[in-house]
Amino acid sequence: MNEQHVTLDISKAAHAAKVIRIGQGDASGTTIVADVYDNGVALDLTGKGARFLMRLPGGRYYVRDTDCSVSGNHITYVVDEAHAAAVAGITDTAYFDVLVGETVVASTQRFSVEVLRSALDGAAMGESYDTAVEEAIRNANEAAEDAREAAGGTIPLMAANLRGGAKLGSGLTVGADERLSVDTMTSAEVDAAVAAAFA
């Protein structure tokens, strides 16, 4: 897996440790291996424990994880990205505590962690877009609107002395009031018209 190494000293002397990079959406995708020193001398961690601490980018949240293993002067930590990568950005406040039992006996230099944003972070899936389909839908909607306006009864279709009414076809009726009426098109009918235009 992705194993990244960093050299840290509990003297906290200035250093230029490389940036550890972790990615949102990973699951145990990064292992940090820290070589720990005391004023340049390898620190014997026999009989000691360790925990990882990190202030998340933005400074509002933190992670404190005791799921570390030690060997010689090495601390190994498999990053819990579900928590450590919860906020994208960069922090310069990540380090390890050295423990005897539950007591912190030392902490290492601070190092930087960059949390790489997932493509899904705060985003929504896009939609397909086709200008030809959009144009067909627009034309179908305009035709439906024209039909509705025509159904308003402004044009007499029968002589005033004719009574009753006549059925002209699906959705079209001439009633006793001598006006043309058109049933409202449903969205399903509009969709069908668009599909038929591309068939």
N, C-alpha and C. Protein backbone atom coordinates (compact mmCIF):
# COMPACT_ATOMS: atom_id res chain seq x y z
N MET A 1 0.84 -1.20 0.00
CA MET A 1 0.00 0.00 0.00
C MET A 1 0.88 1.25 0.00
N ASN A 2 0.27 2.40 0.05
CA ASN A 2 0.97 3.69 0.01
C ASN A 2 1.66 3.94 1.35
N GLU A 3 2.96 3.73 1.40
CA GLU A 3 3.72 3.91 2.65
C GLU A 3 4.58 5.15 2.52
N GLN A 4 4.39 6.09 3.45
CA GLN A 4 5.14 7.34 3.42
C GLN A 4 5.97 7.46 4.69
N HIS A 5 7.24 7.87 4.52
CA HIS A 5 8.18 7.93 5.64
C HIS A 5 8.46 9.38 6.02
N VAL A 6 8.64 9.59 7.32
CA VAL A 6 8.98 10.92 7.84
C VAL A 6 9.94 10.75 9.00
N THR A 7 10.91 11.65 9.11
CA THR A 7 11.88 11.63 10.21
C THR A 7 11.53 12.75 11.19
N LEU A 8 11.36 12.38 12.46
CA LEU A 8 10.90 13.34 13.48
C LEU A 8 11.80 13.26 14.70
N ASP A 9 11.96 14.40 15.39
CA ASP A 9 12.79 14.45 16.59
C ASP A 9 11.96 15.02 17.73
N ILE A 10 12.08 14.41 18.90
CA ILE A 10 11.30 14.92 20.04
C ILE A 10 11.87 16.23 20.56
N SER A 11 13.08 16.63 20.08
CA SER A 11 13.64 17.94 20.46
C SER A 11 12.87 19.06 19.79
N LYS A 12 12.11 18.71 18.75
CA LYS A 12 11.27 19.66 18.01
C LYS A 12 12.09 20.74 17.31
N ALA A 13 13.33 20.40 16.98
CA ALA A 13 14.16 21.34 16.24
C ALA A 13 13.54 21.59 14.87
N ALA A 14 13.85 22.78 14.32
CA ALA A 14 13.30 23.12 13.01
C ALA A 14 13.75 22.08 11.99
N HIS A 15 12.86 21.72 11.12
CA HIS A 15 13.18 20.74 10.10
C HIS A 15 12.31 20.99 8.87
N ALA A 16 12.65 20.33 7.83
CA ALA A 16 11.89 20.47 6.58
C ALA A 16 11.34 19.11 6.19
N ALA A 17 10.52 18.57 7.08
CA ALA A 17 9.93 17.25 6.80
C ALA A 17 9.01 17.34 5.59
N LYS A 18 9.00 16.28 4.82
CA LYS A 18 8.13 16.30 3.64
C LYS A 18 6.67 16.29 4.06
N VAL A 19 5.82 16.73 3.16
CA VAL A 19 4.39 16.75 3.41
C VAL A 19 3.82 15.35 3.18
N ILE A 20 3.05 14.86 4.14
CA ILE A 20 2.33 13.60 3.99
C ILE A 20 1.02 13.90 3.29
N ARG A 21 0.72 13.14 2.25
CA ARG A 21 -0.53 13.37 1.51
C ARG A 21 -1.45 12.17 1.66
N ILE A 22 -2.69 12.47 2.01
CA ILE A 22 -3.71 11.44 2.12
C ILE A 22 -4.91 11.87 1.28
N GLY A 23 -5.70 10.89 0.84
CA GLY A 23 -6.81 11.21 -0.05
C GLY A 23 -8.16 10.91 0.56
N GLN A 24 -9.10 11.82 0.34
CA GLN A 24 -10.47 11.56 0.75
C GLN A 24 -11.00 10.37 -0.05
N GLY A 25 -11.79 9.55 0.59
CA GLY A 25 -12.38 8.40 -0.07
C GLY A 25 -11.55 7.14 0.03
N ASP A 26 -10.28 7.27 0.47
CA ASP A 26 -9.46 6.07 0.66
C ASP A 26 -9.90 5.35 1.92
N ALA A 27 -9.57 4.08 1.99
CA ALA A 27 -9.83 3.29 3.20
C ALA A 27 -8.52 2.60 3.55
N SER A 28 -7.85 3.11 4.58
CA SER A 28 -6.54 2.60 4.98
C SER A 28 -5.58 2.60 3.80
N GLY A 29 -5.63 3.69 3.02
CA GLY A 29 -4.80 3.77 1.83
C GLY A 29 -3.41 4.30 2.07
N THR A 30 -3.15 4.84 3.27
CA THR A 30 -1.85 5.45 3.56
C THR A 30 -1.32 4.93 4.89
N THR A 31 -0.05 4.56 4.89
CA THR A 31 0.64 4.19 6.12
C THR A 31 1.78 5.17 6.34
N ILE A 32 1.80 5.79 7.53
CA ILE A 32 2.89 6.70 7.89
C ILE A 32 3.88 5.93 8.76
N VAL A 33 5.13 5.94 8.34
CA VAL A 33 6.19 5.34 9.14
C VAL A 33 7.11 6.48 9.60
N ALA A 34 7.15 6.72 10.91
CA ALA A 34 7.95 7.81 11.46
C ALA A 34 9.19 7.23 12.14
N ASP A 35 10.37 7.72 11.75
CA ASP A 35 11.62 7.39 12.43
C ASP A 35 11.83 8.47 13.49
N VAL A 36 11.84 8.07 14.76
CA VAL A 36 11.84 9.04 15.86
C VAL A 36 13.24 9.12 16.50
N TYR A 37 13.69 10.36 16.73
CA TYR A 37 15.00 10.62 17.31
C TYR A 37 14.87 11.55 18.51
N ASP A 38 15.91 11.52 19.34
CA ASP A 38 16.03 12.43 20.47
C ASP A 38 17.36 13.17 20.30
N ASN A 39 17.26 14.42 19.81
CA ASN A 39 18.45 15.22 19.50
C ASN A 39 19.40 14.47 18.56
N GLY A 40 18.81 13.84 17.55
CA GLY A 40 19.59 13.17 16.53
C GLY A 40 19.95 11.73 16.84
N VAL A 41 19.64 11.26 18.04
CA VAL A 41 19.93 9.89 18.43
C VAL A 41 18.63 9.09 18.37
N ALA A 42 18.68 7.92 17.74
CA ALA A 42 17.49 7.10 17.63
C ALA A 42 16.87 6.85 19.00
N LEU A 43 15.59 7.11 19.13
CA LEU A 43 14.87 6.95 20.39
C LEU A 43 14.37 5.52 20.51
N ASP A 44 14.79 4.83 21.56
CA ASP A 44 14.35 3.45 21.77
C ASP A 44 12.91 3.47 22.31
N LEU A 45 12.01 2.92 21.54
CA LEU A 45 10.58 2.93 21.91
C LEU A 45 10.15 1.62 22.57
N THR A 46 11.11 0.77 22.93
CA THR A 46 10.77 -0.49 23.60
C THR A 46 9.99 -0.23 24.88
N GLY A 47 8.85 -0.90 25.04
CA GLY A 47 8.02 -0.73 26.24
C GLY A 47 7.16 0.51 26.21
N LYS A 48 7.20 1.23 25.12
CA LYS A 48 6.40 2.47 25.01
C LYS A 48 5.31 2.29 23.96
N GLY A 49 4.40 3.20 23.98
CA GLY A 49 3.33 3.22 22.98
C GLY A 49 3.35 4.54 22.24
N ALA A 50 2.44 4.71 21.33
CA ALA A 50 2.37 5.96 20.56
C ALA A 50 0.94 6.21 20.10
N ARG A 51 0.66 7.45 19.82
CA ARG A 51 -0.63 7.81 19.23
C ARG A 51 -0.42 8.96 18.25
N PHE A 52 -1.27 9.00 17.26
CA PHE A 52 -1.21 10.01 16.20
C PHE A 52 -2.20 11.12 16.51
N LEU A 53 -1.76 12.36 16.37
CA LEU A 53 -2.63 13.52 16.56
C LEU A 53 -2.54 14.43 15.34
N MET A 54 -3.68 14.97 14.96
CA MET A 54 -3.72 15.86 13.79
C MET A 54 -4.87 16.84 13.94
N ARG A 55 -4.57 18.11 13.73
CA ARG A 55 -5.61 19.13 13.67
C ARG A 55 -6.04 19.23 12.21
N LEU A 56 -7.30 19.00 11.93
CA LEU A 56 -7.76 18.98 10.55
C LEU A 56 -7.68 20.36 9.91
N PRO A 57 -7.55 20.43 8.58
CA PRO A 57 -7.53 21.72 7.90
C PRO A 57 -8.72 22.58 8.33
N GLY A 58 -8.47 23.84 8.53
CA GLY A 58 -9.50 24.76 9.01
C GLY A 58 -9.46 24.93 10.51
N GLY A 59 -8.83 24.00 11.24
CA GLY A 59 -8.58 24.15 12.66
C GLY A 59 -9.73 23.86 13.60
N ARG A 60 -10.86 23.42 13.08
CA ARG A 60 -12.02 23.23 13.96
C ARG A 60 -12.06 21.83 14.58
N TYR A 61 -11.56 20.83 13.86
CA TYR A 61 -11.66 19.44 14.31
C TYR A 61 -10.27 18.83 14.46
N TYR A 62 -10.22 17.72 15.19
CA TYR A 62 -8.95 17.03 15.35
C TYR A 62 -9.17 15.53 15.34
N VAL A 63 -8.07 14.81 15.18
CA VAL A 63 -8.06 13.34 15.26
C VAL A 63 -7.00 12.96 16.29
N ARG A 64 -7.34 12.04 17.17
CA ARG A 64 -6.38 11.48 18.13
C ARG A 64 -6.59 9.97 18.10
N ASP A 65 -5.59 9.24 17.58
CA ASP A 65 -5.76 7.82 17.29
C ASP A 65 -4.62 7.03 17.92
N THR A 66 -4.96 6.10 18.79
CA THR A 66 -3.95 5.28 19.47
C THR A 66 -3.61 4.00 18.71
N ASP A 67 -4.18 3.84 17.53
CA ASP A 67 -3.95 2.62 16.77
C ASP A 67 -2.61 2.68 16.02
N CYS A 68 -1.54 2.80 16.79
CA CYS A 68 -0.18 2.87 16.25
C CYS A 68 0.61 1.67 16.77
N SER A 69 1.60 1.26 16.02
CA SER A 69 2.51 0.22 16.49
C SER A 69 3.93 0.78 16.54
N VAL A 70 4.76 0.24 17.44
CA VAL A 70 6.13 0.73 17.61
C VAL A 70 7.10 -0.44 17.49
N SER A 71 8.28 -0.12 16.97
CA SER A 71 9.35 -1.12 16.86
C SER A 71 10.67 -0.36 16.71
N GLY A 72 11.63 -0.65 17.60
CA GLY A 72 12.89 0.09 17.56
C GLY A 72 12.63 1.56 17.79
N ASN A 73 12.99 2.39 16.82
CA ASN A 73 12.66 3.83 16.93
C ASN A 73 11.61 4.23 15.89
N HIS A 74 10.84 3.24 15.43
CA HIS A 74 9.83 3.49 14.39
C HIS A 74 8.42 3.46 14.97
N ILE A 75 7.62 4.42 14.53
CA ILE A 75 6.18 4.41 14.80
C ILE A 75 5.48 4.21 13.47
N THR A 76 4.58 3.24 13.44
CA THR A 76 3.83 2.96 12.21
C THR A 76 2.35 3.22 12.47
N TYR A 77 1.77 4.01 11.59
CA TYR A 77 0.36 4.37 11.75
C TYR A 77 -0.36 4.21 10.41
N VAL A 78 -1.39 3.35 10.38
CA VAL A 78 -2.24 3.21 9.20
C VAL A 78 -3.35 4.25 9.33
N VAL A 79 -3.35 5.21 8.43
CA VAL A 79 -4.24 6.38 8.55
C VAL A 79 -5.71 5.95 8.44
N ASP A 80 -6.51 6.47 9.35
CA ASP A 80 -7.96 6.29 9.30
C ASP A 80 -8.52 7.46 8.49
N GLU A 81 -8.58 7.29 7.16
CA GLU A 81 -8.99 8.41 6.30
C GLU A 81 -10.42 8.86 6.55
N ALA A 82 -11.27 7.96 7.02
CA ALA A 82 -12.66 8.35 7.27
C ALA A 82 -12.73 9.54 8.23
N HIS A 83 -11.75 9.62 9.14
CA HIS A 83 -11.72 10.73 10.09
C HIS A 83 -10.64 11.74 9.74
N ALA A 84 -9.42 11.27 9.46
CA ALA A 84 -8.31 12.19 9.21
C ALA A 84 -8.49 12.96 7.91
N ALA A 85 -9.23 12.41 6.95
CA ALA A 85 -9.43 13.09 5.67
C ALA A 85 -10.82 13.69 5.54
N ALA A 86 -11.47 13.93 6.66
CA ALA A 86 -12.85 14.44 6.63
C ALA A 86 -12.93 15.85 6.04
N VAL A 87 -11.84 16.63 6.16
CA VAL A 87 -11.82 18.01 5.67
C VAL A 87 -10.65 18.16 4.71
N ALA A 88 -10.91 18.62 3.48
CA ALA A 88 -9.85 18.80 2.50
C ALA A 88 -9.04 20.05 2.82
N GLY A 89 -7.76 20.02 2.47
CA GLY A 89 -6.89 21.16 2.70
C GLY A 89 -5.56 20.72 3.28
N ILE A 90 -4.82 21.66 3.86
CA ILE A 90 -3.51 21.34 4.42
C ILE A 90 -3.43 21.82 5.87
N THR A 91 -2.78 21.02 6.70
CA THR A 91 -2.55 21.39 8.09
C THR A 91 -1.07 21.21 8.40
N ASP A 92 -0.53 22.06 9.27
CA ASP A 92 0.87 21.90 9.69
C ASP A 92 0.95 21.36 11.11
N THR A 93 -0.16 20.83 11.60
CA THR A 93 -0.21 20.35 12.98
C THR A 93 -0.57 18.87 13.01
N ALA A 94 0.43 18.05 12.74
CA ALA A 94 0.30 16.60 12.87
C ALA A 94 1.56 16.12 13.57
N TYR A 95 1.43 15.16 14.50
CA TYR A 95 2.58 14.67 15.24
C TYR A 95 2.22 13.39 15.97
N PHE A 96 3.21 12.81 16.62
CA PHE A 96 3.00 11.61 17.43
C PHE A 96 3.34 11.90 18.89
N ASP A 97 2.52 11.39 19.78
CA ASP A 97 2.84 11.35 21.22
C ASP A 97 3.54 10.02 21.50
N VAL A 98 4.54 10.07 22.36
CA VAL A 98 5.17 8.85 22.87
C VAL A 98 4.61 8.61 24.26
N LEU A 99 4.11 7.40 24.49
CA LEU A 99 3.39 7.09 25.72
C LEU A 99 4.09 6.04 26.56
N VAL A 100 3.99 6.21 27.86
CA VAL A 100 4.30 5.14 28.81
C VAL A 100 2.99 4.91 29.55
N GLY A 101 2.35 3.79 29.26
CA GLY A 101 0.99 3.59 29.77
C GLY A 101 0.09 4.62 29.11
N GLU A 102 -0.61 5.40 29.91
CA GLU A 102 -1.48 6.45 29.40
C GLU A 102 -0.82 7.82 29.47
N THR A 103 0.42 7.87 29.95
CA THR A 103 1.10 9.15 30.15
C THR A 103 1.93 9.54 28.92
N VAL A 104 1.80 10.80 28.50
CA VAL A 104 2.60 11.31 27.40
C VAL A 104 3.96 11.71 27.94
N VAL A 105 5.01 11.04 27.47
CA VAL A 105 6.36 11.36 27.95
C VAL A 105 7.11 12.24 26.95
N ALA A 106 6.64 12.30 25.74
CA ALA A 106 7.27 13.16 24.72
C ALA A 106 6.34 13.26 23.52
N SER A 107 6.57 14.28 22.71
CA SER A 107 5.87 14.39 21.44
C SER A 107 6.89 14.80 20.39
N THR A 108 6.60 14.45 19.17
CA THR A 108 7.55 14.70 18.09
C THR A 108 7.37 16.10 17.51
N GLN A 109 8.28 16.43 16.62
CA GLN A 109 8.10 17.62 15.80
C GLN A 109 6.76 17.54 15.09
N ARG A 110 6.23 18.71 14.79
CA ARG A 110 5.00 18.77 13.99
C ARG A 110 5.36 18.63 12.52
N PHE A 111 4.49 18.00 11.77
CA PHE A 111 4.70 17.91 10.33
C PHE A 111 3.38 18.21 9.63
N SER A 112 3.47 18.40 8.33
CA SER A 112 2.30 18.81 7.55
C SER A 112 1.62 17.62 6.89
N VAL A 113 0.31 17.71 6.80
CA VAL A 113 -0.50 16.72 6.09
C VAL A 113 -1.40 17.47 5.12
N GLU A 114 -1.39 17.03 3.88
CA GLU A 114 -2.30 17.59 2.88
C GLU A 114 -3.39 16.57 2.60
N VAL A 115 -4.63 16.98 2.80
CA VAL A 115 -5.78 16.12 2.51
C VAL A 115 -6.28 16.48 1.11
N LEU A 116 -6.12 15.53 0.19
CA LEU A 116 -6.50 15.75 -1.19
C LEU A 116 -8.01 15.53 -1.35
N ARG A 117 -8.66 16.49 -1.95
CA ARG A 117 -10.12 16.45 -2.08
C ARG A 117 -10.58 15.33 -3.00
N SER A 118 -11.64 14.66 -2.60
CA SER A 118 -12.29 13.68 -3.46
C SER A 118 -13.13 14.42 -4.49
N ALA A 119 -13.25 13.84 -5.68
CA ALA A 119 -14.11 14.42 -6.72
C ALA A 119 -15.56 14.48 -6.27
N LEU A 120 -15.94 13.67 -5.28
CA LEU A 120 -17.33 13.60 -4.82
C LEU A 120 -17.62 14.56 -3.68
N ASP A 121 -16.56 15.19 -3.12
CA ASP A 121 -16.73 16.01 -1.93
C ASP A 121 -17.60 17.23 -2.22
N GLY A 122 -18.82 17.25 -1.68
CA GLY A 122 -19.72 18.39 -1.83
C GLY A 122 -20.27 18.59 -3.23
N ALA A 123 -20.08 17.61 -4.11
CA ALA A 123 -20.52 17.77 -5.50
C ALA A 123 -21.69 16.85 -5.80
N ALA A 124 -22.39 17.18 -6.86
CA ALA A 124 -23.50 16.35 -7.33
C ALA A 124 -23.16 15.81 -8.71
N MET A 125 -23.77 14.68 -9.06
CA MET A 125 -23.55 14.12 -10.40
C MET A 125 -24.10 15.07 -11.45
N GLY A 126 -23.43 15.15 -12.57
CA GLY A 126 -23.90 15.97 -13.67
C GLY A 126 -25.03 15.29 -14.41
N GLU A 127 -25.60 16.01 -15.38
CA GLU A 127 -26.68 15.45 -16.20
C GLU A 127 -26.24 15.49 -17.66
N SER A 128 -26.73 14.54 -18.43
CA SER A 128 -26.45 14.55 -19.86
C SER A 128 -27.12 15.76 -20.48
N TYR A 129 -26.48 16.32 -21.52
CA TYR A 129 -27.04 17.50 -22.17
C TYR A 129 -26.83 17.37 -23.68
N ASP A 130 -27.89 17.54 -24.44
CA ASP A 130 -27.83 17.45 -25.89
C ASP A 130 -28.68 18.58 -26.44
N THR A 131 -28.06 19.51 -27.20
CA THR A 131 -28.81 20.68 -27.68
C THR A 131 -29.92 20.28 -28.65
N ALA A 132 -29.73 19.20 -29.40
CA ALA A 132 -30.78 18.76 -30.32
C ALA A 132 -32.01 18.30 -29.55
N VAL A 133 -31.79 17.56 -28.49
CA VAL A 133 -32.91 17.12 -27.66
C VAL A 133 -33.59 18.32 -27.00
N GLU A 134 -32.77 19.26 -26.50
CA GLU A 134 -33.34 20.46 -25.88
C GLU A 134 -34.20 21.23 -26.88
N GLU A 135 -33.74 21.34 -28.14
CA GLU A 135 -34.50 22.05 -29.17
C GLU A 135 -35.81 21.35 -29.47
N ALA A 136 -35.77 20.01 -29.55
CA ALA A 136 -37.00 19.25 -29.82
C ALA A 136 -38.01 19.42 -28.70
N ILE A 137 -37.52 19.41 -27.45
CA ILE A 137 -38.42 19.61 -26.32
C ILE A 137 -39.02 21.01 -26.36
N ARG A 138 -38.18 22.01 -26.69
CA ARG A 138 -38.68 23.39 -26.75
C ARG A 138 -39.75 23.52 -27.83
N ASN A 139 -39.50 22.92 -29.00
CA ASN A 139 -40.48 22.99 -30.09
C ASN A 139 -41.79 22.30 -29.71
N ALA A 140 -41.68 21.14 -29.06
CA ALA A 140 -42.88 20.42 -28.64
C ALA A 140 -43.67 21.24 -27.63
N ASN A 141 -42.97 21.89 -26.70
CA ASN A 141 -43.66 22.72 -25.70
C ASN A 141 -44.34 23.92 -26.36
N GLU A 142 -43.67 24.52 -27.36
CA GLU A 142 -44.27 25.66 -28.05
C GLU A 142 -45.51 25.23 -28.83
N ALA A 143 -45.43 24.05 -29.46
CA ALA A 143 -46.61 23.54 -30.20
C ALA A 143 -47.76 23.27 -29.25
N ALA A 144 -47.46 22.73 -28.09
CA ALA A 144 -48.51 22.46 -27.11
C ALA A 144 -49.13 23.76 -26.62
N GLU A 145 -48.29 24.78 -26.43
CA GLU A 145 -48.83 26.07 -25.98
C GLU A 145 -49.71 26.69 -27.06
N ASP A 146 -49.29 26.59 -28.33
CA ASP A 146 -50.11 27.11 -29.43
C ASP A 146 -51.47 26.41 -29.46
N ALA A 147 -51.48 25.11 -29.24
CA ALA A 147 -52.73 24.34 -29.24
C ALA A 147 -53.63 24.78 -28.10
N ARG A 148 -53.02 25.03 -26.94
CA ARG A 148 -53.83 25.48 -25.80
C ARG A 148 -54.44 26.85 -26.07
N GLU A 149 -53.66 27.73 -26.70
CA GLU A 149 -54.20 29.07 -27.01
C GLU A 149 -55.33 28.97 -28.03
N ALA A 150 -55.17 28.07 -29.01
CA ALA A 150 -56.22 27.88 -30.02
C ALA A 150 -57.49 27.34 -29.41
N ALA A 151 -57.35 26.62 -28.31
CA ALA A 151 -58.51 26.03 -27.65
C ALA A 151 -59.28 27.05 -26.84
N GLY A 152 -58.83 28.28 -26.83
CA GLY A 152 -59.49 29.30 -26.01
C GLY A 152 -60.83 29.73 -26.53
N GLY A 153 -61.22 29.34 -27.76
CA GLY A 153 -62.57 29.63 -28.26
C GLY A 153 -62.70 30.95 -28.95
N THR A 154 -61.61 31.48 -29.50
CA THR A 154 -61.72 32.79 -30.13
C THR A 154 -62.20 32.70 -31.57
N ILE A 155 -62.19 31.50 -32.19
CA ILE A 155 -62.59 31.36 -33.59
C ILE A 155 -63.79 30.43 -33.69
N PRO A 156 -64.94 30.90 -34.11
CA PRO A 156 -66.09 30.01 -34.29
C PRO A 156 -65.80 28.99 -35.38
N LEU A 157 -66.16 27.74 -35.15
CA LEU A 157 -65.93 26.69 -36.13
C LEU A 157 -67.23 26.15 -36.71
N MET A 158 -68.38 26.55 -36.17
CA MET A 158 -69.66 26.05 -36.67
C MET A 158 -70.63 27.23 -36.79
N ALA A 159 -71.61 27.06 -37.64
CA ALA A 159 -72.62 28.10 -37.80
C ALA A 159 -73.42 28.25 -36.52
N ALA A 160 -73.92 29.42 -36.26
CA ALA A 160 -74.61 29.71 -35.02
C ALA A 160 -75.87 28.87 -34.86
N ASN A 161 -76.50 28.48 -35.98
CA ASN A 161 -77.74 27.73 -35.86
C ASN A 161 -77.54 26.23 -35.73
N LEU A 162 -76.28 25.75 -35.71
CA LEU A 162 -76.01 24.32 -35.57
C LEU A 162 -76.00 23.96 -34.09
N ARG A 163 -76.67 22.88 -33.73
CA ARG A 163 -76.77 22.45 -32.35
C ARG A 163 -76.02 21.14 -32.15
N GLY A 164 -75.73 20.84 -30.89
CA GLY A 164 -75.10 19.56 -30.56
C GLY A 164 -73.59 19.69 -30.45
N GLY A 165 -72.88 19.02 -31.33
CA GLY A 165 -71.42 19.04 -31.29
C GLY A 165 -70.88 17.93 -32.13
N ALA A 166 -69.61 17.98 -32.37
CA ALA A 166 -68.99 16.95 -33.21
C ALA A 166 -67.62 16.60 -32.65
N LYS A 167 -67.28 15.29 -32.72
CA LYS A 167 -65.97 14.82 -32.29
C LYS A 167 -65.05 14.87 -33.50
N LEU A 168 -63.93 15.60 -33.41
CA LEU A 168 -63.03 15.77 -34.54
C LEU A 168 -61.84 14.83 -34.50
N GLY A 169 -61.59 14.19 -33.37
CA GLY A 169 -60.40 13.34 -33.26
C GLY A 169 -59.90 13.32 -31.83
N SER A 170 -58.87 12.56 -31.60
CA SER A 170 -58.35 12.40 -30.25
C SER A 170 -57.96 13.74 -29.66
N GLY A 171 -58.64 14.12 -28.60
CA GLY A 171 -58.32 15.35 -27.89
C GLY A 171 -58.94 16.59 -28.48
N LEU A 172 -59.59 16.52 -29.66
CA LEU A 172 -60.17 17.70 -30.30
C LEU A 172 -61.69 17.55 -30.34
N THR A 173 -62.40 18.57 -29.85
CA THR A 173 -63.86 18.50 -29.80
C THR A 173 -64.46 19.85 -30.17
N VAL A 174 -65.51 19.82 -30.97
CA VAL A 174 -66.31 21.02 -31.18
C VAL A 174 -67.59 20.83 -30.40
N GLY A 175 -67.81 21.67 -29.44
CA GLY A 175 -68.97 21.54 -28.60
C GLY A 175 -70.12 22.40 -29.08
N ALA A 176 -71.21 22.37 -28.29
CA ALA A 176 -72.39 23.14 -28.66
C ALA A 176 -72.11 24.63 -28.62
N ASP A 177 -71.06 25.03 -27.93
CA ASP A 177 -70.74 26.45 -27.88
C ASP A 177 -69.93 26.89 -29.09
N GLU A 178 -69.76 25.95 -30.07
CA GLU A 178 -69.13 26.24 -31.36
C GLU A 178 -67.67 26.62 -31.22
N ARG A 179 -67.01 26.13 -30.18
CA ARG A 179 -65.60 26.44 -29.98
C ARG A 179 -64.77 25.16 -30.05
N LEU A 180 -63.52 25.30 -30.49
CA LEU A 180 -62.60 24.16 -30.51
C LEU A 180 -61.93 24.05 -29.15
N SER A 181 -61.95 22.85 -28.59
CA SER A 181 -61.23 22.64 -27.33
C SER A 181 -60.19 21.55 -27.52
N VAL A 182 -59.04 21.71 -26.89
CA VAL A 182 -57.94 20.74 -27.00
C VAL A 182 -57.56 20.28 -25.61
N ASP A 183 -57.52 18.96 -25.42
CA ASP A 183 -57.11 18.44 -24.11
C ASP A 183 -55.67 18.87 -23.82
N THR A 184 -55.42 19.17 -22.55
CA THR A 184 -54.06 19.55 -22.14
C THR A 184 -53.10 18.40 -22.35
N MET A 185 -51.95 18.69 -22.93
CA MET A 185 -50.94 17.64 -23.14
C MET A 185 -50.23 17.37 -21.82
N THR A 186 -50.08 16.11 -21.52
CA THR A 186 -49.32 15.73 -20.33
C THR A 186 -47.84 15.72 -20.66
N SER A 187 -46.99 15.72 -19.62
CA SER A 187 -45.55 15.65 -19.85
C SER A 187 -45.17 14.36 -20.55
N ALA A 188 -45.91 13.28 -20.27
CA ALA A 188 -45.63 12.00 -20.93
C ALA A 188 -45.91 12.11 -22.43
N GLU A 189 -46.98 12.84 -22.79
CA GLU A 189 -47.29 13.02 -24.20
C GLU A 189 -46.26 13.88 -24.89
N VAL A 190 -45.75 14.90 -24.19
CA VAL A 190 -44.68 15.74 -24.75
C VAL A 190 -43.44 14.89 -24.98
N ASP A 191 -43.09 14.05 -23.99
CA ASP A 191 -41.92 13.17 -24.12
C ASP A 191 -42.08 12.24 -25.31
N ALA A 192 -43.32 11.70 -25.48
CA ALA A 192 -43.57 10.79 -26.58
C ALA A 192 -43.42 11.51 -27.92
N ALA A 193 -43.85 12.75 -27.97
CA ALA A 193 -43.71 13.53 -29.20
C ALA A 193 -42.26 13.77 -29.53
N VAL A 194 -41.46 14.04 -28.51
CA VAL A 194 -40.03 14.25 -28.71
C VAL A 194 -39.38 12.95 -29.20
N ALA A 195 -39.75 11.84 -28.56
CA ALA A 195 -39.19 10.55 -28.96
C ALA A 195 -39.54 10.23 -30.39
N ALA A 196 -40.78 10.53 -30.78
CA ALA A 196 -41.23 10.25 -32.13
C ALA A 196 -40.44 11.10 -33.16
N ALA A 197 -40.07 12.31 -32.75
CA ALA A 197 -39.33 13.21 -33.65
C ALA A 197 -37.95 12.67 -33.94
N PHE A 198 -37.41 11.85 -33.02
CA PHE A 198 -36.06 11.31 -33.19
C PHE A 198 -36.05 9.85 -33.64
N ALA A 199 -37.25 9.29 -33.82
CA ALA A 199 -37.34 7.88 -34.19
C ALA A 199 -36.90 7.70 -35.64
